[in-house]
Amino acid sequence: MKPSRYLLTLALPLCGIWLDVSAQQRDFHRIDIGHAELSVMEWAADSPEAELILALPGSGGDYSRYKRVAPLLAEAGYRLVVINQRGIMGSSGELEDLTLHDLADDVIAVADRLGADRFHMAGWAFGNRTARMLATDYPDRVASVTLIAAGGIVPALTESGELASLLGNSDLPFTEKVRLARRTLFSPATDDALVEEYARELNYWPEARVAQGQANRNTPLEEWVAGGEGPLLMVMGEDDLTAPIENGKIMKTEYGDRLTLVVIPDAGHALGLEKPDETAAAIVEFLKNHPL
C-alpha cells in the first residue's frame, strides 16, 4: 500500500527514535477509586520527567495485550499505566447497566488517584471507544488520544460469531483457538509461533466482556466517535479484518489534520503483538509532536 494524502504506511526501524533511558520500572498494583478497585500494570522510564499514558486493552482483555509495546514506550521515556477494567484480573465494580461514560469516569478516577491533571490516553480495540468517550467528556484532561486497531464505524469482515467464540469459550480445543485467532486477530503474514503463543496464553473475562458490550450499546456512536477535539492517532493493521482500515480512512476524511493515520503492513487486529516496534515508533513520534 502506498502512502496517500490521508494514509501513511509505517515500517520504521527503532534506531535513532528511542531516548537513551538506562532503566525501567514495572509494577502491578491496585488502585481504589471509591466505587471500584482497579488493578493496573505500570511500565515507567526511570525518570521524573516521564509523561503519563493511561491505556485500555480490548474487550474483556487484560494488560498483557500491551506486553510487547509497553516496554518500548517506557524505553522511549514514557510512563504507561494499563488499566484492567471492571471484572478483569481482580478489578471490582458494578457490571450492570453501564455506559461508556461510566467506564470513562473510571479512568478519570485513576488519573485523579495518580495525581495527573493532564495525560495521554490510549485504547486498543474496544478500549478505543472508552478512550474516545473520555476525551469527549474530559477534554481539558486529555492531551492526546492514541487508538490502536480501532473499529466502531465499519462492520468487521470476519465471520459472525468467530471472535465471540474465541474470546468467550475457554473450553475450545487449542487447535481451534489457533484457527480462530488466525482468522480474526492476526495477519496471514504473522509467524505461526506468535499465534500459537497467543492461543496458549489466552485469558479473557466473559462477564466483563458482556458488560463492556452492553456499555457500548447503551452509548450512541455520536457521543464518543469524535474522541473530543484534540489530536488523534490511529494505528491500524493493514490486514485487520476485525477493525478494517476503512475505519481509519473515514475518520481521516472527517477530521483531517487533527488525525494522524498510520497503517502497518503485515499486521492484523493484534498489531501491537505482531509489530511492536512499528506500533511503538508510531506512538512515540505522535506523542513527541503533542507533548503535555
C-alpha atoms as a PDB file:
ATOM      1  CA  MET A   1       0.000   0.000   0.000  1.00  0.00           C
ATOM      2  CA  LYS A   2       1.424   3.376  -0.965  1.00  0.00           C
ATOM      3  CA  PRO A   3       1.174   6.495   1.199  1.00  0.00           C
ATOM      4  CA  SER A   4      -1.557   8.908   0.186  1.00  0.00           C
ATOM      5  CA  ARG A   5      -2.840  12.222   1.399  1.00  0.00           C
ATOM      6  CA  TYR A   6      -4.557  10.522   4.325  1.00  0.00           C
ATOM      7  CA  LEU A   7      -2.681   7.270   4.766  1.00  0.00           C
ATOM      8  CA  LEU A   8       0.846   6.649   5.983  1.00  0.00           C
ATOM      9  CA  THR A   9       2.315   3.156   5.820  1.00  0.00           C
ATOM     10  CA  LEU A  10       4.945   2.788   8.515  1.00  0.00           C
ATOM     11  CA  ALA A  11       7.792   0.288   8.613  1.00  0.00           C
ATOM     12  CA  LEU A  12      10.491   2.110  10.524  1.00  0.00           C
ATOM     13  CA  PRO A  13      13.465   0.756  12.482  1.00  0.00           C
ATOM     14  CA  LEU A  14      13.747   1.987  16.038  1.00  0.00           C
ATOM     15  CA  CYS A  15      17.323   3.114  15.668  1.00  0.00           C
ATOM     16  CA  GLY A  16      17.538   6.817  16.392  1.00  0.00           C
ATOM     17  CA  ILE A  17      13.950   7.092  17.652  1.00  0.00           C
ATOM     18  CA  TRP A  18      14.236   5.953  21.264  1.00  0.00           C
ATOM     19  CA  LEU A  19      15.540   8.146  24.024  1.00  0.00           C
ATOM     20  CA  ASP A  20      18.534   6.880  25.938  1.00  0.00           C
ATOM     21  CA  VAL A  21      16.860   5.579  29.088  1.00  0.00           C
ATOM     22  CA  SER A  22      19.030   3.336  31.230  1.00  0.00           C
ATOM     23  CA  ALA A  23      16.358   1.747  33.426  1.00  0.00           C
ATOM     24  CA  GLN A  24      12.673   0.960  33.603  1.00  0.00           C
ATOM     25  CA  GLN A  25      10.257   0.073  36.384  1.00  0.00           C
ATOM     26  CA  ARG A  26       7.449  -2.478  36.088  1.00  0.00           C
ATOM     27  CA  ASP A  27       4.775  -2.705  38.751  1.00  0.00           C
ATOM     28  CA  PHE A  28       1.415  -4.465  39.147  1.00  0.00           C
ATOM     29  CA  HIS A  29      -0.831  -2.919  41.792  1.00  0.00           C
ATOM     30  CA  ARG A  30      -4.405  -1.961  42.646  1.00  0.00           C
ATOM     31  CA  ILE A  31      -5.973   1.491  42.775  1.00  0.00           C
ATOM     32  CA  ASP A  32      -9.023   2.209  44.925  1.00  0.00           C
ATOM     33  CA  ILE A  33     -11.295   4.670  43.108  1.00  0.00           C
ATOM     34  CA  GLY A  34     -14.117   4.527  45.665  1.00  0.00           C
ATOM     35  CA  HIS A  35     -16.883   2.843  43.691  1.00  0.00           C
ATOM     36  CA  ALA A  36     -14.460   0.219  42.373  1.00  0.00           C
ATOM     37  CA  GLU A  37     -10.926  -1.089  42.772  1.00  0.00           C
ATOM     38  CA  LEU A  38      -8.935  -1.478  39.580  1.00  0.00           C
ATOM     39  CA  SER A  39      -5.749  -3.457  39.053  1.00  0.00           C
ATOM     40  CA  VAL A  40      -3.160  -1.832  36.815  1.00  0.00           C
ATOM     41  CA  MET A  41       0.189  -2.705  35.306  1.00  0.00           C
ATOM     42  CA  GLU A  42       2.685   0.106  35.064  1.00  0.00           C
ATOM     43  CA  TRP A  43       5.774   0.378  32.908  1.00  0.00           C
ATOM     44  CA  ALA A  44       7.792   3.532  33.516  1.00  0.00           C
ATOM     45  CA  ALA A  45      11.026   5.114  32.460  1.00  0.00           C
ATOM     46  CA  ASP A  46      13.258   5.764  35.445  1.00  0.00           C
ATOM     47  CA  SER A  47      12.759   9.491  35.086  1.00  0.00           C
ATOM     48  CA  PRO A  48      10.657  12.044  36.968  1.00  0.00           C
ATOM     49  CA  GLU A  49      10.017  13.773  33.637  1.00  0.00           C
ATOM     50  CA  ALA A  50       8.170  10.815  32.099  1.00  0.00           C
ATOM     51  CA  GLU A  51       4.817  11.824  30.586  1.00  0.00           C
ATOM     52  CA  LEU A  52       1.863   9.660  31.633  1.00  0.00           C
ATOM     53  CA  ILE A  53      -0.091   7.476  29.206  1.00  0.00           C
ATOM     54  CA  LEU A  54      -3.212   5.767  30.527  1.00  0.00           C
ATOM     55  CA  ALA A  55      -4.164   2.785  28.396  1.00  0.00           C
ATOM     56  CA  LEU A  56      -7.067   0.370  27.991  1.00  0.00           C
ATOM     57  CA  PRO A  57      -6.990  -3.141  26.466  1.00  0.00           C
ATOM     58  CA  GLY A  58      -9.606  -4.648  24.190  1.00  0.00           C
ATOM     59  CA  SER A  59     -12.930  -6.252  25.044  1.00  0.00           C
ATOM     60  CA  GLY A  60     -12.658  -8.479  28.122  1.00  0.00           C
ATOM     61  CA  GLY A  61      -8.858  -8.386  27.936  1.00  0.00           C
ATOM     62  CA  ASP A  62      -6.138  -7.509  30.416  1.00  0.00           C
ATOM     63  CA  TYR A  63      -2.895  -5.544  30.440  1.00  0.00           C
ATOM     64  CA  SER A  64      -0.960  -8.339  28.697  1.00  0.00           C
ATOM     65  CA  ARG A  65      -2.171  -7.039  25.324  1.00  0.00           C
ATOM     66  CA  TYR A  66       0.435  -4.271  25.794  1.00  0.00           C
ATOM     67  CA  LYS A  67       3.261  -6.552  26.914  1.00  0.00           C
ATOM     68  CA  ARG A  68       5.357  -6.022  23.771  1.00  0.00           C
ATOM     69  CA  VAL A  69       4.620  -2.334  23.182  1.00  0.00           C
ATOM     70  CA  ALA A  70       4.757  -1.092  26.775  1.00  0.00           C
ATOM     71  CA  PRO A  71       8.477  -1.711  27.437  1.00  0.00           C
ATOM     72  CA  LEU A  72       9.322   0.156  24.246  1.00  0.00           C
ATOM     73  CA  LEU A  73       7.269   3.165  25.321  1.00  0.00           C
ATOM     74  CA  ALA A  74       8.975   3.120  28.717  1.00  0.00           C
ATOM     75  CA  GLU A  75      12.339   2.890  26.966  1.00  0.00           C
ATOM     76  CA  ALA A  76      11.334   5.954  24.968  1.00  0.00           C
ATOM     77  CA  GLY A  77      10.834   7.888  28.205  1.00  0.00           C
ATOM     78  CA  TYR A  78       7.113   7.457  28.946  1.00  0.00           C
ATOM     79  CA  ARG A  79       5.136   6.130  31.883  1.00  0.00           C
ATOM     80  CA  LEU A  80       2.430   3.722  30.721  1.00  0.00           C
ATOM     81  CA  VAL A  81      -0.310   2.604  33.100  1.00  0.00           C
ATOM     82  CA  VAL A  82      -2.573  -0.086  31.624  1.00  0.00           C
ATOM     83  CA  ILE A  83      -5.914  -0.343  33.421  1.00  0.00           C
ATOM     84  CA  ASN A  84      -7.673  -3.678  33.856  1.00  0.00           C
ATOM     85  CA  GLN A  85     -11.287  -2.564  33.707  1.00  0.00           C
ATOM     86  CA  ARG A  86     -14.085  -3.744  35.985  1.00  0.00           C
ATOM     87  CA  GLY A  87     -14.296  -7.511  36.301  1.00  0.00           C
ATOM     88  CA  ILE A  88     -10.831  -8.165  34.829  1.00  0.00           C
ATOM     89  CA  MET A  89      -7.897  -9.687  36.706  1.00  0.00           C
ATOM     90  CA  GLY A  90      -9.277  -8.847  40.144  1.00  0.00           C
ATOM     91  CA  SER A  91     -10.705  -5.433  39.297  1.00  0.00           C
ATOM     92  CA  SER A  92     -14.030  -4.883  41.030  1.00  0.00           C
ATOM     93  CA  GLY A  93     -17.079  -2.737  40.368  1.00  0.00           C
ATOM     94  CA  GLU A  94     -20.682  -2.938  39.207  1.00  0.00           C
ATOM     95  CA  LEU A  95     -21.096  -4.568  35.790  1.00  0.00           C
ATOM     96  CA  GLU A  96     -24.788  -3.984  35.164  1.00  0.00           C
ATOM     97  CA  ASP A  97     -26.317  -1.208  33.055  1.00  0.00           C
ATOM     98  CA  LEU A  98     -23.062   0.610  32.346  1.00  0.00           C
ATOM     99  CA  THR A  99     -22.383   3.189  29.652  1.00  0.00           C
ATOM    100  CA  LEU A 100     -19.104   4.289  28.114  1.00  0.00           C
ATOM    101  CA  HIS A 101     -19.442   7.400  30.257  1.00  0.00           C
ATOM    102  CA  ASP A 102     -19.177   5.185  33.359  1.00  0.00           C
ATOM    103  CA  LEU A 103     -16.051   3.481  32.043  1.00  0.00           C
ATOM    104  CA  ALA A 104     -14.537   6.861  31.161  1.00  0.00           C
ATOM    105  CA  ASP A 105     -15.261   8.046  34.701  1.00  0.00           C
ATOM    106  CA  ASP A 106     -13.254   5.077  35.998  1.00  0.00           C
ATOM    107  CA  VAL A 107     -10.220   6.215  34.008  1.00  0.00           C
ATOM    108  CA  ILE A 108     -10.503   9.771  35.282  1.00  0.00           C
ATOM    109  CA  ALA A 109     -10.724   8.425  38.827  1.00  0.00           C
ATOM    110  CA  VAL A 110      -7.468   6.534  38.247  1.00  0.00           C
ATOM    111  CA  ALA A 111      -5.850   9.704  36.898  1.00  0.00           C
ATOM    112  CA  ASP A 112      -7.032  11.569  39.988  1.00  0.00           C
ATOM    113  CA  ARG A 113      -5.515   8.926  42.289  1.00  0.00           C
ATOM    114  CA  LEU A 114      -2.255   9.207  40.361  1.00  0.00           C
ATOM    115  CA  GLY A 115      -2.316  12.989  40.731  1.00  0.00           C
ATOM    116  CA  ALA A 116      -2.377  13.511  36.969  1.00  0.00           C
ATOM    117  CA  ASP A 117      -4.169  16.689  35.922  1.00  0.00           C
ATOM    118  CA  ARG A 118      -3.308  16.022  32.283  1.00  0.00           C
ATOM    119  CA  PHE A 119      -2.243  12.857  30.467  1.00  0.00           C
ATOM    120  CA  HIS A 120      -2.197  10.994  27.167  1.00  0.00           C
ATOM    121  CA  MET A 121      -4.898   8.368  26.531  1.00  0.00           C
ATOM    122  CA  ALA A 122      -4.603   5.131  24.567  1.00  0.00           C
ATOM    123  CA  GLY A 123      -7.197   2.496  23.707  1.00  0.00           C
ATOM    124  CA  TRP A 124      -6.746  -0.822  21.920  1.00  0.00           C
ATOM    125  CA  ALA A 125      -9.689  -2.433  20.106  1.00  0.00           C
ATOM    126  CA  PHE A 126     -12.761  -1.972  22.347  1.00  0.00           C
ATOM    127  CA  GLY A 127     -10.644   0.259  24.588  1.00  0.00           C
ATOM    128  CA  ASN A 128     -10.631   2.832  21.791  1.00  0.00           C
ATOM    129  CA  ARG A 129     -14.308   3.547  22.418  1.00  0.00           C
ATOM    130  CA  THR A 130     -13.811   4.339  26.088  1.00  0.00           C
ATOM    131  CA  ALA A 131     -10.692   6.352  25.217  1.00  0.00           C
ATOM    132  CA  ARG A 132     -12.696   8.487  22.780  1.00  0.00           C
ATOM    133  CA  MET A 133     -15.527   8.819  25.290  1.00  0.00           C
ATOM    134  CA  LEU A 134     -13.042  10.014  27.905  1.00  0.00           C
ATOM    135  CA  ALA A 135     -11.588  12.670  25.601  1.00  0.00           C
ATOM    136  CA  THR A 136     -15.120  13.856  24.810  1.00  0.00           C
ATOM    137  CA  ASP A 137     -16.240  14.024  28.444  1.00  0.00           C
ATOM    138  CA  TYR A 138     -12.959  15.418  29.848  1.00  0.00           C
ATOM    139  CA  PRO A 139     -11.287  17.413  27.045  1.00  0.00           C
ATOM    140  CA  ASP A 140      -9.221  19.529  29.441  1.00  0.00           C
ATOM    141  CA  ARG A 141      -7.593  16.441  30.961  1.00  0.00           C
ATOM    142  CA  VAL A 142      -6.539  14.627  27.785  1.00  0.00           C
ATOM    143  CA  ALA A 143      -3.536  15.901  25.818  1.00  0.00           C
ATOM    144  CA  SER A 144      -3.848  13.339  23.036  1.00  0.00           C
ATOM    145  CA  VAL A 145      -5.629  10.110  22.129  1.00  0.00           C
ATOM    146  CA  THR A 146      -3.972   7.067  20.555  1.00  0.00           C
ATOM    147  CA  LEU A 147      -6.289   4.468  19.021  1.00  0.00           C
ATOM    148  CA  ILE A 148      -4.864   1.022  18.210  1.00  0.00           C
ATOM    149  CA  ALA A 149      -6.866  -1.326  15.965  1.00  0.00           C
ATOM    150  CA  ALA A 150      -9.861   0.973  16.318  1.00  0.00           C
ATOM    151  CA  GLY A 151     -13.220  -0.010  14.864  1.00  0.00           C
ATOM    152  CA  GLY A 152     -16.749   1.083  15.539  1.00  0.00           C
ATOM    153  CA  ILE A 153     -17.726   2.617  12.210  1.00  0.00           C
ATOM    154  CA  VAL A 154     -17.231  -0.107   9.601  1.00  0.00           C
ATOM    155  CA  PRO A 155     -18.504  -3.649  10.283  1.00  0.00           C
ATOM    156  CA  ALA A 156     -15.946  -6.402  10.804  1.00  0.00           C
ATOM    157  CA  LEU A 157     -15.031  -8.559   7.833  1.00  0.00           C
ATOM    158  CA  THR A 158     -14.742 -11.704   9.945  1.00  0.00           C
ATOM    159  CA  GLU A 159     -17.378 -14.420  10.036  1.00  0.00           C
ATOM    160  CA  SER A 160     -20.146 -13.733  12.546  1.00  0.00           C
ATOM    161  CA  GLY A 161     -19.568 -15.457  15.880  1.00  0.00           C
ATOM    162  CA  GLU A 162     -15.928 -16.437  15.339  1.00  0.00           C
ATOM    163  CA  LEU A 163     -14.367 -13.794  17.576  1.00  0.00           C
ATOM    164  CA  ALA A 164     -17.068 -14.239  20.224  1.00  0.00           C
ATOM    165  CA  SER A 165     -16.343 -17.959  20.283  1.00  0.00           C
ATOM    166  CA  LEU A 166     -12.606 -17.388  20.635  1.00  0.00           C
ATOM    167  CA  LEU A 167     -12.974 -14.864  23.450  1.00  0.00           C
ATOM    168  CA  GLY A 168     -15.938 -16.419  25.226  1.00  0.00           C
ATOM    169  CA  ASN A 169     -15.400 -20.180  25.131  1.00  0.00           C
ATOM    170  CA  SER A 170     -12.431 -21.247  27.255  1.00  0.00           C
ATOM    171  CA  ASP A 171     -13.166 -24.915  26.528  1.00  0.00           C
ATOM    172  CA  LEU A 172     -12.234 -24.677  22.856  1.00  0.00           C
ATOM    173  CA  PRO A 173      -9.515 -27.126  21.786  1.00  0.00           C
ATOM    174  CA  PHE A 174      -6.130 -25.499  21.341  1.00  0.00           C
ATOM    175  CA  THR A 175      -6.133 -26.105  17.591  1.00  0.00           C
ATOM    176  CA  GLU A 176      -9.481 -24.339  17.269  1.00  0.00           C
ATOM    177  CA  LYS A 177      -8.214 -21.378  19.296  1.00  0.00           C
ATOM    178  CA  VAL A 178      -5.262 -21.110  16.938  1.00  0.00           C
ATOM    179  CA  ARG A 179      -7.514 -21.310  13.890  1.00  0.00           C
ATOM    180  CA  LEU A 180      -9.914 -18.639  15.154  1.00  0.00           C
ATOM    181  CA  ALA A 181      -7.103 -16.366  16.354  1.00  0.00           C
ATOM    182  CA  ARG A 182      -5.502 -16.552  12.940  1.00  0.00           C
ATOM    183  CA  ARG A 183      -8.788 -15.751  11.198  1.00  0.00           C
ATOM    184  CA  THR A 184      -9.883 -12.875  13.455  1.00  0.00           C
ATOM    185  CA  LEU A 185      -6.831 -11.257  15.053  1.00  0.00           C
ATOM    186  CA  PHE A 186      -3.643 -11.943  13.115  1.00  0.00           C
ATOM    187  CA  SER A 187      -2.260 -11.199   9.686  1.00  0.00           C
ATOM    188  CA  PRO A 188      -1.631 -14.127   7.316  1.00  0.00           C
ATOM    189  CA  ALA A 189       1.990 -12.938   7.361  1.00  0.00           C
ATOM    190  CA  THR A 190       2.411 -13.419  11.127  1.00  0.00           C
ATOM    191  CA  ASP A 191       4.525 -16.369  12.261  1.00  0.00           C
ATOM    192  CA  ASP A 192       2.630 -19.401  13.480  1.00  0.00           C
ATOM    193  CA  ALA A 193       4.649 -19.365  16.708  1.00  0.00           C
ATOM    194  CA  LEU A 194       3.214 -15.997  17.751  1.00  0.00           C
ATOM    195  CA  VAL A 195      -0.358 -17.053  17.013  1.00  0.00           C
ATOM    196  CA  GLU A 196       0.151 -20.257  18.984  1.00  0.00           C
ATOM    197  CA  GLU A 197       1.657 -18.319  21.893  1.00  0.00           C
ATOM    198  CA  TYR A 198      -1.383 -16.054  21.916  1.00  0.00           C
ATOM    199  CA  ALA A 199      -3.786 -19.014  21.881  1.00  0.00           C
ATOM    200  CA  ARG A 200      -1.839 -20.784  24.629  1.00  0.00           C
ATOM    201  CA  GLU A 201      -1.846 -17.744  26.939  1.00  0.00           C
ATOM    202  CA  LEU A 202      -5.338 -16.560  26.005  1.00  0.00           C
ATOM    203  CA  ASN A 203      -7.278 -15.348  29.025  1.00  0.00           C
ATOM    204  CA  TYR A 204     -10.488 -13.335  28.885  1.00  0.00           C
ATOM    205  CA  TRP A 205     -13.145 -12.392  31.422  1.00  0.00           C
ATOM    206  CA  PRO A 206     -16.517 -13.133  29.794  1.00  0.00           C
ATOM    207  CA  GLU A 207     -18.653 -11.228  32.330  1.00  0.00           C
ATOM    208  CA  ALA A 208     -16.572  -8.108  31.849  1.00  0.00           C
ATOM    209  CA  ARG A 209     -16.762  -8.530  28.081  1.00  0.00           C
ATOM    210  CA  VAL A 210     -20.564  -8.759  28.238  1.00  0.00           C
ATOM    211  CA  ALA A 211     -20.708  -5.648  30.452  1.00  0.00           C
ATOM    212  CA  GLN A 212     -18.484  -3.703  28.058  1.00  0.00           C
ATOM    213  CA  GLY A 213     -20.644  -4.742  25.132  1.00  0.00           C
ATOM    214  CA  GLN A 214     -23.722  -3.519  26.964  1.00  0.00           C
ATOM    215  CA  ALA A 215     -21.977  -0.231  27.792  1.00  0.00           C
ATOM    216  CA  ASN A 216     -21.261   0.206  24.098  1.00  0.00           C
ATOM    217  CA  ARG A 217     -24.879  -0.484  23.128  1.00  0.00           C
ATOM    218  CA  ASN A 218     -26.070   1.916  25.843  1.00  0.00           C
ATOM    219  CA  THR A 219     -23.987   4.766  24.403  1.00  0.00           C
ATOM    220  CA  PRO A 220     -24.845   6.231  20.973  1.00  0.00           C
ATOM    221  CA  LEU A 221     -21.965   6.295  18.496  1.00  0.00           C
ATOM    222  CA  GLU A 222     -22.245  10.035  18.002  1.00  0.00           C
ATOM    223  CA  GLU A 223     -21.487  10.625  21.690  1.00  0.00           C
ATOM    224  CA  TRP A 224     -17.961   9.167  21.507  1.00  0.00           C
ATOM    225  CA  VAL A 225     -16.791   8.676  17.935  1.00  0.00           C
ATOM    226  CA  ALA A 226     -15.077  12.088  17.552  1.00  0.00           C
ATOM    227  CA  GLY A 227     -12.797  11.483  20.526  1.00  0.00           C
ATOM    228  CA  GLY A 228     -13.069  15.047  21.749  1.00  0.00           C
ATOM    229  CA  GLU A 229     -11.451  17.873  19.812  1.00  0.00           C
ATOM    230  CA  GLY A 230      -7.742  17.281  20.421  1.00  0.00           C
ATOM    231  CA  PRO A 231      -5.081  15.400  18.440  1.00  0.00           C
ATOM    232  CA  LEU A 232      -5.817  11.793  17.484  1.00  0.00           C
ATOM    233  CA  LEU A 233      -3.568   8.972  16.315  1.00  0.00           C
ATOM    234  CA  MET A 234      -4.966   5.833  14.702  1.00  0.00           C
ATOM    235  CA  VAL A 235      -2.554   2.904  14.303  1.00  0.00           C
ATOM    236  CA  MET A 236      -4.152   0.232  12.125  1.00  0.00           C
ATOM    237  CA  GLY A 237      -3.066  -3.156  10.823  1.00  0.00           C
ATOM    238  CA  GLU A 238      -3.252  -3.376   7.036  1.00  0.00           C
ATOM    239  CA  ASP A 239      -4.653  -6.927   7.302  1.00  0.00           C
ATOM    240  CA  ASP A 240      -7.078  -6.248  10.181  1.00  0.00           C
ATOM    241  CA  LEU A 241     -10.436  -7.895   9.461  1.00  0.00           C
ATOM    242  CA  THR A 242     -11.957  -7.157  12.872  1.00  0.00           C
ATOM    243  CA  ALA A 243     -11.353  -3.393  12.675  1.00  0.00           C
ATOM    244  CA  PRO A 244     -10.828  -2.811   8.925  1.00  0.00           C
ATOM    245  CA  ILE A 245      -8.620   0.122   7.958  1.00  0.00           C
ATOM    246  CA  GLU A 246     -11.644   1.693   6.286  1.00  0.00           C
ATOM    247  CA  ASN A 247     -12.478   2.898   9.823  1.00  0.00           C
ATOM    248  CA  GLY A 248      -9.317   4.991   9.742  1.00  0.00           C
ATOM    249  CA  LYS A 249      -9.929   6.297   6.240  1.00  0.00           C
ATOM    250  CA  ILE A 250     -13.402   7.514   7.208  1.00  0.00           C
ATOM    251  CA  MET A 251     -12.046   9.150  10.356  1.00  0.00           C
ATOM    252  CA  LYS A 252      -9.276  10.864   8.368  1.00  0.00           C
ATOM    253  CA  THR A 253     -11.750  12.214   5.843  1.00  0.00           C
ATOM    254  CA  GLU A 254     -13.957  13.505   8.648  1.00  0.00           C
ATOM    255  CA  TYR A 255     -11.290  15.029  10.901  1.00  0.00           C
ATOM    256  CA  GLY A 256      -8.479  15.966   8.518  1.00  0.00           C
ATOM    257  CA  ASP A 257      -5.255  17.283  10.017  1.00  0.00           C
ATOM    258  CA  ARG A 258      -6.499  16.662  13.533  1.00  0.00           C
ATOM    259  CA  LEU A 259      -5.999  12.932  12.943  1.00  0.00           C
ATOM    260  CA  THR A 260      -2.781  11.090  12.120  1.00  0.00           C
ATOM    261  CA  LEU A 261      -3.402   7.733  10.450  1.00  0.00           C
ATOM    262  CA  VAL A 262      -0.682   5.084  10.366  1.00  0.00           C
ATOM    263  CA  VAL A 263      -1.208   1.731   8.660  1.00  0.00           C
ATOM    264  CA  ILE A 264       1.258  -1.043   9.452  1.00  0.00           C
ATOM    265  CA  PRO A 265       1.831  -3.713   6.791  1.00  0.00           C
ATOM    266  CA  ASP A 266       1.629  -7.439   7.613  1.00  0.00           C
ATOM    267  CA  ALA A 267      -0.326  -6.774  10.802  1.00  0.00           C
ATOM    268  CA  GLY A 268      -3.859  -7.558  11.893  1.00  0.00           C
ATOM    269  CA  HIS A 269      -6.024  -6.706  14.887  1.00  0.00           C
ATOM    270  CA  ALA A 270      -3.221  -7.786  17.240  1.00  0.00           C
ATOM    271  CA  LEU A 271      -0.711  -5.432  15.649  1.00  0.00           C
ATOM    272  CA  GLY A 272       0.859  -4.424  18.972  1.00  0.00           C
ATOM    273  CA  LEU A 273       1.854  -8.068  19.433  1.00  0.00           C
ATOM    274  CA  GLU A 274       2.677  -8.680  15.771  1.00  0.00           C
ATOM    275  CA  LYS A 275       4.574  -5.454  15.075  1.00  0.00           C
ATOM    276  CA  PRO A 276       5.515  -3.909  18.433  1.00  0.00           C
ATOM    277  CA  ASP A 277       8.477  -1.889  17.118  1.00  0.00           C
ATOM    278  CA  GLU A 278       6.472  -0.241  14.367  1.00  0.00           C
ATOM    279  CA  THR A 279       3.471   0.334  16.649  1.00  0.00           C
ATOM    280  CA  ALA A 280       5.589   1.913  19.375  1.00  0.00           C
ATOM    281  CA  ALA A 281       7.511   4.023  16.856  1.00  0.00           C
ATOM    282  CA  ALA A 282       4.262   5.491  15.521  1.00  0.00           C
ATOM    283  CA  ILE A 283       3.065   6.306  19.035  1.00  0.00           C
ATOM    284  CA  VAL A 284       6.344   7.893  20.114  1.00  0.00           C
ATOM    285  CA  GLU A 285       6.547  10.090  17.015  1.00  0.00           C
ATOM    286  CA  PHE A 286       2.963  11.251  17.592  1.00  0.00           C
ATOM    287  CA  LEU A 287       3.476  11.963  21.298  1.00  0.00           C
ATOM    288  CA  LYS A 288       6.638  13.948  20.617  1.00  0.00           C
ATOM    289  CA  ASN A 289       4.545  16.196  18.386  1.00  0.00           C
ATOM    290  CA  HIS A 290       1.854  16.581  21.078  1.00  0.00           C
ATOM    291  CA  PRO A 291       3.618  16.803  24.456  1.00  0.00           C
ATOM    292  CA  LEU A 292       1.858  17.517  27.728  1.00  0.00           C
END
